[in-house]
Amino acid sequence: MASIAKTIVATGASSGLGFELVKQLLAQTQPYKFILGARNAQAAQAAYDGLQYDSSKHSLTIFPLELSNLKTVKTFASQTLEKLGQDKIDYLLLNAGIGKNADEPGPHGSKWSESYIVNHLSQHYLTHLLREKLEESKSRVVFVSSGGIRNIDDPSVLDDDVKGASKTQRSVYSETKFIQFLGAHWWRRQLQGKCVVVAVSPGLIPGSGFFVSNNMPAPVNHPDAKSVEEGAQNIYRAFTRDDLPQDPDQIFLTSWGEWWPKDVYQLSLDKNLQNKWCPSKEEIEQEEGVNA
């Protein structure tokens, strides 16, 4: 009897770790249906076509998605739900991320930096837009996080640092990934009893292209350095692990396969802080002019 296809909706899968993960899954005997968002859908489609995967087993759909523009997020969500029809979402993979500083004004008139919008706000908004389907599907939502969240010791500076043109000298990448992790906690609470929410670190990936595209030195000799193949496997581990800790706040899966104890990320457990950085769908649409 043929296996039932599992459906994955994903951001950040047109290159790097996301592309490698989908490539690995396309080689499995388990059939998958992929719905992917990509800034350049045509180039992403060509890259996947080059893999020559078994299209009789797997299906792969790519819709345009520019995460710095929340209007495209709304369109992508609508196209995704239309494509799904009555089918469920088994996994929502929130993998997209950029490492830009906050020297420039926010995109499309936003008061926020592009890194904040891409790394948190747009994918938080996408989860809002897919929420009903996720709850119906009892989906697993996977946030690709970073060990850099440990670098945040004063959340009060985030308000100013992640705005457009803040010109902060602190790491906007670490700050926005910390905020994204606040979002993972928030969604874990919102979806409790309906969906599984996991945050995962793929490890430091010197060969992923992330460091090159963001003009950052690649940490080749770092003890947590992983290959692109290993990083993708670490993300996939968050899809399959069923040994979820009894403590619902313990949601961070490390790149070495352990569930981080909560004291490592104690600051992120502040529910008021989580609520502050997780606006409603309507609040996002109003502030970012999505319906204008």
C-alpha atoms as a PDB file:
ATOM      1  CA  MET A   1       0.000   0.000   0.000  1.00  0.00           C
ATOM      2  CA  ALA A   2       1.380   3.395  -1.015  1.00  0.00           C
ATOM      3  CA  SER A   3       2.256   5.847   1.735  1.00  0.00           C
ATOM      4  CA  ILE A   4       0.069   8.921   2.113  1.00  0.00           C
ATOM      5  CA  ALA A   5       1.906  12.059   1.031  1.00  0.00           C
ATOM      6  CA  LYS A   6       2.860  14.504   3.768  1.00  0.00           C
ATOM      7  CA  THR A   7       2.442  18.205   3.052  1.00  0.00           C
ATOM      8  CA  ILE A   8       5.101  20.761   3.936  1.00  0.00           C
ATOM      9  CA  VAL A   9       4.611  24.514   3.610  1.00  0.00           C
ATOM     10  CA  ALA A  10       7.944  26.309   3.898  1.00  0.00           C
ATOM     11  CA  THR A  11       9.735  29.627   3.754  1.00  0.00           C
ATOM     12  CA  GLY A  12      13.444  29.940   3.070  1.00  0.00           C
ATOM     13  CA  ALA A  13      13.689  26.826   0.888  1.00  0.00           C
ATOM     14  CA  SER A  14      15.018  28.282  -2.380  1.00  0.00           C
ATOM     15  CA  SER A  15      18.682  28.039  -1.337  1.00  0.00           C
ATOM     16  CA  GLY A  16      20.988  26.983   1.489  1.00  0.00           C
ATOM     17  CA  LEU A  17      19.658  24.822   4.297  1.00  0.00           C
ATOM     18  CA  GLY A  18      16.044  24.924   3.182  1.00  0.00           C
ATOM     19  CA  PHE A  19      16.900  23.821  -0.339  1.00  0.00           C
ATOM     20  CA  GLU A  20      19.147  21.051   1.002  1.00  0.00           C
ATOM     21  CA  LEU A  21      16.403  19.810   3.318  1.00  0.00           C
ATOM     22  CA  VAL A  22      13.838  19.613   0.514  1.00  0.00           C
ATOM     23  CA  LYS A  23      16.461  17.914  -1.688  1.00  0.00           C
ATOM     24  CA  GLN A  24      16.986  15.259   0.992  1.00  0.00           C
ATOM     25  CA  LEU A  25      13.246  14.719   1.422  1.00  0.00           C
ATOM     26  CA  LEU A  26      12.759  14.388  -2.344  1.00  0.00           C
ATOM     27  CA  ALA A  27      15.125  11.405  -2.190  1.00  0.00           C
ATOM     28  CA  GLN A  28      12.998   9.584   0.409  1.00  0.00           C
ATOM     29  CA  THR A  29      10.537   6.803  -0.327  1.00  0.00           C
ATOM     30  CA  GLN A  30       7.971   8.746   1.735  1.00  0.00           C
ATOM     31  CA  PRO A  31       6.033  10.946  -0.724  1.00  0.00           C
ATOM     32  CA  TYR A  32       5.794  14.680  -0.023  1.00  0.00           C
ATOM     33  CA  LYS A  33       3.776  17.621  -1.267  1.00  0.00           C
ATOM     34  CA  PHE A  34       5.749  20.839  -1.007  1.00  0.00           C
ATOM     35  CA  ILE A  35       4.362  24.366  -1.159  1.00  0.00           C
ATOM     36  CA  LEU A  36       7.293  26.752  -1.043  1.00  0.00           C
ATOM     37  CA  GLY A  37       7.595  30.528  -1.034  1.00  0.00           C
ATOM     38  CA  ALA A  38      10.490  32.094  -2.913  1.00  0.00           C
ATOM     39  CA  ARG A  39      11.548  35.620  -3.797  1.00  0.00           C
ATOM     40  CA  ASN A  40      12.414  34.426  -7.315  1.00  0.00           C
ATOM     41  CA  ALA A  41       9.985  31.590  -7.967  1.00  0.00           C
ATOM     42  CA  GLN A  42      11.263  30.980 -11.503  1.00  0.00           C
ATOM     43  CA  ALA A  43      14.879  30.531 -10.385  1.00  0.00           C
ATOM     44  CA  ALA A  44      13.816  28.302  -7.492  1.00  0.00           C
ATOM     45  CA  GLN A  45      11.734  26.164  -9.838  1.00  0.00           C
ATOM     46  CA  ALA A  46      14.702  25.766 -12.172  1.00  0.00           C
ATOM     47  CA  ALA A  47      16.935  24.733  -9.261  1.00  0.00           C
ATOM     48  CA  TYR A  48      14.480  22.057  -8.151  1.00  0.00           C
ATOM     49  CA  ASP A  49      13.879  20.852 -11.698  1.00  0.00           C
ATOM     50  CA  GLY A  50      17.634  20.314 -11.893  1.00  0.00           C
ATOM     51  CA  LEU A  51      17.380  17.696  -9.141  1.00  0.00           C
ATOM     52  CA  GLN A  52      15.389  15.433 -11.452  1.00  0.00           C
ATOM     53  CA  TYR A  53      13.326  14.092  -8.567  1.00  0.00           C
ATOM     54  CA  ASP A  54      10.524  11.556  -8.976  1.00  0.00           C
ATOM     55  CA  SER A  55       7.574  13.807  -9.815  1.00  0.00           C
ATOM     56  CA  SER A  56       5.240  10.813  -9.881  1.00  0.00           C
ATOM     57  CA  LYS A  57       5.860  10.439  -6.141  1.00  0.00           C
ATOM     58  CA  HIS A  58       6.430  14.021  -4.973  1.00  0.00           C
ATOM     59  CA  SER A  59       4.734  17.284  -5.920  1.00  0.00           C
ATOM     60  CA  LEU A  60       6.393  20.675  -5.589  1.00  0.00           C
ATOM     61  CA  THR A  61       4.685  24.048  -5.998  1.00  0.00           C
ATOM     62  CA  ILE A  62       6.498  27.364  -5.685  1.00  0.00           C
ATOM     63  CA  PHE A  63       4.669  30.650  -5.210  1.00  0.00           C
ATOM     64  CA  PRO A  64       6.273  34.128  -5.139  1.00  0.00           C
ATOM     65  CA  LEU A  65       7.025  35.372  -1.627  1.00  0.00           C
ATOM     66  CA  GLU A  66       8.999  38.483  -0.702  1.00  0.00           C
ATOM     67  CA  LEU A  67       9.090  38.430   3.079  1.00  0.00           C
ATOM     68  CA  SER A  68      10.072  42.089   3.390  1.00  0.00           C
ATOM     69  CA  ASN A  69       6.698  42.948   1.825  1.00  0.00           C
ATOM     70  CA  LEU A  70       3.773  41.723   3.906  1.00  0.00           C
ATOM     71  CA  LYS A  71       1.349  42.155   1.020  1.00  0.00           C
ATOM     72  CA  THR A  72       3.102  39.256  -0.741  1.00  0.00           C
ATOM     73  CA  VAL A  73       2.813  37.215   2.469  1.00  0.00           C
ATOM     74  CA  LYS A  74      -0.963  37.632   2.357  1.00  0.00           C
ATOM     75  CA  THR A  75      -1.042  36.619  -1.314  1.00  0.00           C
ATOM     76  CA  PHE A  76       1.182  33.600  -0.649  1.00  0.00           C
ATOM     77  CA  ALA A  77      -1.063  32.449   2.196  1.00  0.00           C
ATOM     78  CA  SER A  78      -4.141  32.774  -0.015  1.00  0.00           C
ATOM     79  CA  GLN A  79      -2.493  30.827  -2.857  1.00  0.00           C
ATOM     80  CA  THR A  80      -1.322  28.161  -0.407  1.00  0.00           C
ATOM     81  CA  LEU A  81      -4.787  27.640   1.061  1.00  0.00           C
ATOM     82  CA  GLU A  82      -6.324  27.502  -2.414  1.00  0.00           C
ATOM     83  CA  LYS A  83      -3.746  24.923  -3.521  1.00  0.00           C
ATOM     84  CA  LEU A  84      -4.338  22.828  -0.403  1.00  0.00           C
ATOM     85  CA  GLY A  85      -8.095  22.704  -0.755  1.00  0.00           C
ATOM     86  CA  GLN A  86      -9.230  20.027   1.704  1.00  0.00           C
ATOM     87  CA  ASP A  87      -5.721  18.686   2.221  1.00  0.00           C
ATOM     88  CA  LYS A  88      -3.983  19.325   5.525  1.00  0.00           C
ATOM     89  CA  ILE A  89      -0.635  20.884   6.402  1.00  0.00           C
ATOM     90  CA  ASP A  90       1.554  18.325   8.148  1.00  0.00           C
ATOM     91  CA  TYR A  91       4.460  20.715   8.688  1.00  0.00           C
ATOM     92  CA  LEU A  92       4.901  24.473   8.546  1.00  0.00           C
ATOM     93  CA  LEU A  93       8.617  25.244   8.266  1.00  0.00           C
ATOM     94  CA  LEU A  94       9.612  28.825   9.091  1.00  0.00           C
ATOM     95  CA  ASN A  95      13.201  28.814   7.887  1.00  0.00           C
ATOM     96  CA  ALA A  96      13.772  32.158   6.147  1.00  0.00           C
ATOM     97  CA  GLY A  97      16.313  34.488   7.729  1.00  0.00           C
ATOM     98  CA  ILE A  98      18.678  37.330   6.874  1.00  0.00           C
ATOM     99  CA  GLY A  99      21.582  38.870   8.767  1.00  0.00           C
ATOM    100  CA  LYS A 100      21.450  42.482   7.637  1.00  0.00           C
ATOM    101  CA  ASN A 101      22.119  45.289  10.097  1.00  0.00           C
ATOM    102  CA  ALA A 102      19.563  48.026  10.718  1.00  0.00           C
ATOM    103  CA  ASP A 103      21.397  50.910   9.075  1.00  0.00           C
ATOM    104  CA  GLU A 104      18.796  51.471   6.349  1.00  0.00           C
ATOM    105  CA  PRO A 105      15.181  52.677   6.651  1.00  0.00           C
ATOM    106  CA  GLY A 106      12.545  49.955   6.799  1.00  0.00           C
ATOM    107  CA  PRO A 107      11.215  48.542   3.506  1.00  0.00           C
ATOM    108  CA  HIS A 108       7.932  49.755   1.991  1.00  0.00           C
ATOM    109  CA  GLY A 109       7.599  52.568   4.503  1.00  0.00           C
ATOM    110  CA  SER A 110       7.712  50.316   7.564  1.00  0.00           C
ATOM    111  CA  LYS A 111       9.196  51.666  10.781  1.00  0.00           C
ATOM    112  CA  TRP A 112      10.898  48.292  11.269  1.00  0.00           C
ATOM    113  CA  SER A 113      14.201  47.053   9.852  1.00  0.00           C
ATOM    114  CA  GLU A 114      14.174  44.515   7.050  1.00  0.00           C
ATOM    115  CA  SER A 115      15.771  41.902   9.341  1.00  0.00           C
ATOM    116  CA  TYR A 116      12.975  42.247  11.882  1.00  0.00           C
ATOM    117  CA  ILE A 117      10.291  41.975   9.210  1.00  0.00           C
ATOM    118  CA  VAL A 118      11.863  38.967   7.469  1.00  0.00           C
ATOM    119  CA  ASN A 119      13.098  37.083  10.533  1.00  0.00           C
ATOM    120  CA  HIS A 120       9.978  37.560  12.633  1.00  0.00           C
ATOM    121  CA  LEU A 121       7.051  39.763  11.653  1.00  0.00           C
ATOM    122  CA  SER A 122       6.278  38.381   8.185  1.00  0.00           C
ATOM    123  CA  GLN A 123       6.513  34.739   9.253  1.00  0.00           C
ATOM    124  CA  HIS A 124       4.474  35.498  12.387  1.00  0.00           C
ATOM    125  CA  TYR A 125       1.876  37.074  10.084  1.00  0.00           C
ATOM    126  CA  LEU A 126       1.960  34.012   7.802  1.00  0.00           C
ATOM    127  CA  THR A 127       1.253  31.771  10.782  1.00  0.00           C
ATOM    128  CA  HIS A 128      -1.764  33.950  11.652  1.00  0.00           C
ATOM    129  CA  LEU A 129      -3.051  33.619   8.088  1.00  0.00           C
ATOM    130  CA  LEU A 130      -2.670  29.821   8.130  1.00  0.00           C
ATOM    131  CA  ARG A 131      -3.823  29.367  11.721  1.00  0.00           C
ATOM    132  CA  GLU A 132      -7.232  27.841  11.021  1.00  0.00           C
ATOM    133  CA  LYS A 133      -5.747  25.282   8.624  1.00  0.00           C
ATOM    134  CA  LEU A 134      -2.903  24.506  11.039  1.00  0.00           C
ATOM    135  CA  GLU A 135      -5.361  23.842  13.861  1.00  0.00           C
ATOM    136  CA  GLU A 136      -7.573  21.661  11.650  1.00  0.00           C
ATOM    137  CA  SER A 137      -4.500  19.748  10.494  1.00  0.00           C
ATOM    138  CA  LYS A 138      -2.915  19.340  13.937  1.00  0.00           C
ATOM    139  CA  SER A 139       0.263  20.499  12.220  1.00  0.00           C
ATOM    140  CA  ARG A 140       3.795  20.639  13.544  1.00  0.00           C
ATOM    141  CA  VAL A 141       5.209  24.178  13.305  1.00  0.00           C
ATOM    142  CA  VAL A 142       9.010  24.328  13.113  1.00  0.00           C
ATOM    143  CA  PHE A 143      10.842  27.599  13.806  1.00  0.00           C
ATOM    144  CA  VAL A 144      14.453  27.525  12.620  1.00  0.00           C
ATOM    145  CA  SER A 145      16.199  29.384  15.411  1.00  0.00           C
ATOM    146  CA  SER A 146      19.771  30.159  16.445  1.00  0.00           C
ATOM    147  CA  GLY A 147      22.046  29.715  19.414  1.00  0.00           C
ATOM    148  CA  GLY A 148      22.552  33.463  19.068  1.00  0.00           C
ATOM    149  CA  ILE A 149      19.413  34.002  21.157  1.00  0.00           C
ATOM    150  CA  ARG A 150      21.675  33.495  24.193  1.00  0.00           C
ATOM    151  CA  ASN A 151      23.443  36.763  23.365  1.00  0.00           C
ATOM    152  CA  ILE A 152      20.436  38.844  24.426  1.00  0.00           C
ATOM    153  CA  ASP A 153      20.741  40.005  28.018  1.00  0.00           C
ATOM    154  CA  ASP A 154      18.646  43.199  27.936  1.00  0.00           C
ATOM    155  CA  PRO A 155      15.363  42.915  26.001  1.00  0.00           C
ATOM    156  CA  SER A 156      14.576  46.575  26.705  1.00  0.00           C
ATOM    157  CA  VAL A 157      16.955  47.650  23.907  1.00  0.00           C
ATOM    158  CA  LEU A 158      15.060  45.672  21.274  1.00  0.00           C
ATOM    159  CA  ASP A 159      12.411  48.364  20.688  1.00  0.00           C
ATOM    160  CA  ASP A 160      14.952  50.804  19.315  1.00  0.00           C
ATOM    161  CA  ASP A 161      17.517  48.382  17.873  1.00  0.00           C
ATOM    162  CA  VAL A 162      15.240  46.541  15.431  1.00  0.00           C
ATOM    163  CA  LYS A 163      13.674  49.676  13.955  1.00  0.00           C
ATOM    164  CA  GLY A 164      14.736  50.811  10.510  1.00  0.00           C
ATOM    165  CA  ALA A 165      17.849  53.024  10.431  1.00  0.00           C
ATOM    166  CA  SER A 166      18.590  52.362  14.123  1.00  0.00           C
ATOM    167  CA  LYS A 167      22.295  51.977  13.246  1.00  0.00           C
ATOM    168  CA  THR A 168      22.783  49.886  16.394  1.00  0.00           C
ATOM    169  CA  GLN A 169      26.182  48.272  16.893  1.00  0.00           C
ATOM    170  CA  ARG A 170      24.558  45.227  18.491  1.00  0.00           C
ATOM    171  CA  SER A 171      23.730  42.114  16.463  1.00  0.00           C
ATOM    172  CA  VAL A 172      20.363  42.707  14.822  1.00  0.00           C
ATOM    173  CA  TYR A 173      20.431  39.079  13.681  1.00  0.00           C
ATOM    174  CA  SER A 174      20.657  37.777  17.265  1.00  0.00           C
ATOM    175  CA  GLU A 175      18.050  40.292  18.402  1.00  0.00           C
ATOM    176  CA  THR A 176      15.526  39.393  15.712  1.00  0.00           C
ATOM    177  CA  LYS A 177      16.095  35.670  16.218  1.00  0.00           C
ATOM    178  CA  PHE A 178      15.428  36.206  19.934  1.00  0.00           C
ATOM    179  CA  ILE A 179      12.175  37.950  19.022  1.00  0.00           C
ATOM    180  CA  GLN A 180      11.338  35.102  16.639  1.00  0.00           C
ATOM    181  CA  PHE A 181      11.886  32.696  19.563  1.00  0.00           C
ATOM    182  CA  LEU A 182       9.500  34.770  21.667  1.00  0.00           C
ATOM    183  CA  GLY A 183       7.066  34.165  18.814  1.00  0.00           C
ATOM    184  CA  ALA A 184       7.661  30.403  18.960  1.00  0.00           C
ATOM    185  CA  HIS A 185       6.738  30.448  22.659  1.00  0.00           C
ATOM    186  CA  TRP A 186       3.676  32.597  21.912  1.00  0.00           C
ATOM    187  CA  TRP A 187       2.457  30.247  19.200  1.00  0.00           C
ATOM    188  CA  ARG A 188       3.122  27.238  21.428  1.00  0.00           C
ATOM    189  CA  ARG A 189       0.703  28.768  23.934  1.00  0.00           C
ATOM    190  CA  GLN A 190      -1.839  29.767  21.277  1.00  0.00           C
ATOM    191  CA  LEU A 191      -1.852  26.351  19.609  1.00  0.00           C
ATOM    192  CA  GLN A 192      -1.550  24.219  22.734  1.00  0.00           C
ATOM    193  CA  GLY A 193      -3.512  20.988  22.427  1.00  0.00           C
ATOM    194  CA  LYS A 194      -3.902  21.474  18.665  1.00  0.00           C
ATOM    195  CA  CYS A 195      -0.423  21.754  17.133  1.00  0.00           C
ATOM    196  CA  VAL A 196       3.148  20.912  18.105  1.00  0.00           C
ATOM    197  CA  VAL A 197       5.552  23.869  18.083  1.00  0.00           C
ATOM    198  CA  VAL A 198       9.306  23.280  18.037  1.00  0.00           C
ATOM    199  CA  ALA A 199      12.282  25.620  17.667  1.00  0.00           C
ATOM    200  CA  VAL A 200      15.494  24.113  16.303  1.00  0.00           C
ATOM    201  CA  SER A 201      19.052  25.230  15.712  1.00  0.00           C
ATOM    202  CA  PRO A 202      20.694  23.736  12.616  1.00  0.00           C
ATOM    203  CA  GLY A 203      24.116  24.721  13.990  1.00  0.00           C
ATOM    204  CA  LEU A 204      26.558  27.201  12.506  1.00  0.00           C
ATOM    205  CA  ILE A 205      26.772  26.476   8.794  1.00  0.00           C
ATOM    206  CA  PRO A 206      29.859  28.131   7.244  1.00  0.00           C
ATOM    207  CA  GLY A 207      29.032  26.746   3.788  1.00  0.00           C
ATOM    208  CA  SER A 208      25.391  27.773   3.602  1.00  0.00           C
ATOM    209  CA  GLY A 209      25.950  31.092   1.822  1.00  0.00           C
ATOM    210  CA  PHE A 210      24.336  32.970   4.717  1.00  0.00           C
ATOM    211  CA  PHE A 211      27.622  34.453   5.870  1.00  0.00           C
ATOM    212  CA  VAL A 212      28.751  35.383   2.361  1.00  0.00           C
ATOM    213  CA  SER A 213      25.461  37.052   1.389  1.00  0.00           C
ATOM    214  CA  ASN A 214      25.468  39.048   4.623  1.00  0.00           C
ATOM    215  CA  ASN A 215      29.180  39.995   4.491  1.00  0.00           C
ATOM    216  CA  MET A 216      29.865  38.096   7.707  1.00  0.00           C
ATOM    217  CA  PRO A 217      32.984  36.003   8.444  1.00  0.00           C
ATOM    218  CA  ALA A 218      32.254  32.273   8.284  1.00  0.00           C
ATOM    219  CA  PRO A 219      33.039  30.581  11.638  1.00  0.00           C
ATOM    220  CA  VAL A 220      34.774  27.575  10.067  1.00  0.00           C
ATOM    221  CA  ASN A 221      36.549  26.444  13.257  1.00  0.00           C
ATOM    222  CA  HIS A 222      33.621  26.975  15.622  1.00  0.00           C
ATOM    223  CA  PRO A 223      32.820  23.841  17.699  1.00  0.00           C
ATOM    224  CA  ASP A 224      29.193  23.965  16.518  1.00  0.00           C
ATOM    225  CA  ALA A 225      30.125  24.319  12.834  1.00  0.00           C
ATOM    226  CA  LYS A 226      28.184  21.901  10.622  1.00  0.00           C
ATOM    227  CA  SER A 227      28.032  21.097   6.935  1.00  0.00           C
ATOM    228  CA  VAL A 228      24.978  22.152   4.926  1.00  0.00           C
ATOM    229  CA  GLU A 229      23.937  18.496   4.771  1.00  0.00           C
ATOM    230  CA  GLU A 230      24.209  18.125   8.558  1.00  0.00           C
ATOM    231  CA  GLY A 231      22.348  21.390   9.144  1.00  0.00           C
ATOM    232  CA  ALA A 232      19.439  20.215   6.996  1.00  0.00           C
ATOM    233  CA  GLN A 233      19.350  16.910   8.864  1.00  0.00           C
ATOM    234  CA  ASN A 234      19.239  18.814  12.161  1.00  0.00           C
ATOM    235  CA  ILE A 235      16.185  20.748  10.960  1.00  0.00           C
ATOM    236  CA  TYR A 236      14.526  17.527   9.808  1.00  0.00           C
ATOM    237  CA  ARG A 237      15.063  16.087  13.283  1.00  0.00           C
ATOM    238  CA  ALA A 238      12.573  18.696  14.544  1.00  0.00           C
ATOM    239  CA  PHE A 239       9.963  17.179  12.187  1.00  0.00           C
ATOM    240  CA  THR A 240      10.308  13.693  13.579  1.00  0.00           C
ATOM    241  CA  ARG A 241      11.233  13.837  17.252  1.00  0.00           C
ATOM    242  CA  ASP A 242       8.399  12.549  19.407  1.00  0.00           C
ATOM    243  CA  ASP A 243      10.241  12.705  22.744  1.00  0.00           C
ATOM    244  CA  LEU A 244       8.829  16.134  23.517  1.00  0.00           C
ATOM    245  CA  PRO A 245       9.709  17.295  27.051  1.00  0.00           C
ATOM    246  CA  GLN A 246       6.927  17.264  29.625  1.00  0.00           C
ATOM    247  CA  ASP A 247       7.531  20.945  30.349  1.00  0.00           C
ATOM    248  CA  PRO A 248       5.689  22.786  27.545  1.00  0.00           C
ATOM    249  CA  ASP A 249       8.154  25.694  27.674  1.00  0.00           C
ATOM    250  CA  GLN A 250      11.063  23.401  26.767  1.00  0.00           C
ATOM    251  CA  ILE A 251      10.775  23.699  22.983  1.00  0.00           C
ATOM    252  CA  PHE A 252      14.343  24.337  21.758  1.00  0.00           C
ATOM    253  CA  LEU A 253      16.071  21.410  20.024  1.00  0.00           C
ATOM    254  CA  THR A 254      19.834  21.915  19.738  1.00  0.00           C
ATOM    255  CA  SER A 255      21.989  21.060  16.749  1.00  0.00           C
ATOM    256  CA  TRP A 256      23.432  18.146  18.728  1.00  0.00           C
ATOM    257  CA  GLY A 257      19.978  16.698  19.328  1.00  0.00           C
ATOM    258  CA  GLU A 258      19.260  17.669  22.937  1.00  0.00           C
ATOM    259  CA  TRP A 259      16.373  19.678  24.330  1.00  0.00           C
ATOM    260  CA  TRP A 260      17.902  22.797  25.852  1.00  0.00           C
ATOM    261  CA  PRO A 261      17.029  23.324  29.532  1.00  0.00           C
ATOM    262  CA  LYS A 262      14.910  26.415  30.107  1.00  0.00           C
ATOM    263  CA  ASP A 263      17.545  28.241  32.117  1.00  0.00           C
ATOM    264  CA  VAL A 264      19.534  28.696  28.888  1.00  0.00           C
ATOM    265  CA  TYR A 265      16.793  30.968  27.524  1.00  0.00           C
ATOM    266  CA  GLN A 266      15.162  32.200  30.721  1.00  0.00           C
ATOM    267  CA  LEU A 267      14.568  35.735  29.399  1.00  0.00           C
ATOM    268  CA  SER A 268      12.370  34.427  26.578  1.00  0.00           C
ATOM    269  CA  LEU A 269       9.913  32.855  29.034  1.00  0.00           C
ATOM    270  CA  ASP A 270       8.460  36.247  30.007  1.00  0.00           C
ATOM    271  CA  LYS A 271       4.872  35.993  28.744  1.00  0.00           C
ATOM    272  CA  ASN A 272       4.438  39.769  28.750  1.00  0.00           C
ATOM    273  CA  LEU A 273       7.475  40.044  26.496  1.00  0.00           C
ATOM    274  CA  GLN A 274       6.098  37.321  24.233  1.00  0.00           C
ATOM    275  CA  ASN A 275       2.764  39.120  23.986  1.00  0.00           C
ATOM    276  CA  LYS A 276       4.451  42.448  23.264  1.00  0.00           C
ATOM    277  CA  TRP A 277       6.309  41.108  20.224  1.00  0.00           C
ATOM    278  CA  CYS A 278       3.444  39.028  18.835  1.00  0.00           C
ATOM    279  CA  PRO A 279       0.838  41.429  17.448  1.00  0.00           C
ATOM    280  CA  SER A 280      -2.487  40.191  16.126  1.00  0.00           C
ATOM    281  CA  LYS A 281      -3.169  39.771  12.420  1.00  0.00           C
ATOM    282  CA  GLU A 282      -5.295  42.908  12.445  1.00  0.00           C
ATOM    283  CA  GLU A 283      -2.628  44.944  14.240  1.00  0.00           C
ATOM    284  CA  ILE A 284      -0.011  43.899  11.701  1.00  0.00           C
ATOM    285  CA  GLU A 285      -2.239  44.725   8.755  1.00  0.00           C
ATOM    286  CA  GLN A 286      -3.055  48.147  10.149  1.00  0.00           C
ATOM    287  CA  GLU A 287       0.506  49.106  11.112  1.00  0.00           C
ATOM    288  CA  GLU A 288       2.103  47.800   7.903  1.00  0.00           C
ATOM    289  CA  GLY A 289      -0.646  48.990   5.559  1.00  0.00           C
ATOM    290  CA  VAL A 290      -1.228  45.516   4.186  1.00  0.00           C
ATOM    291  CA  ASN A 291      -4.736  46.274   2.932  1.00  0.00           C
ATOM    292  CA  ALA A 292      -3.937  49.727   1.597  1.00  0.00           C
END
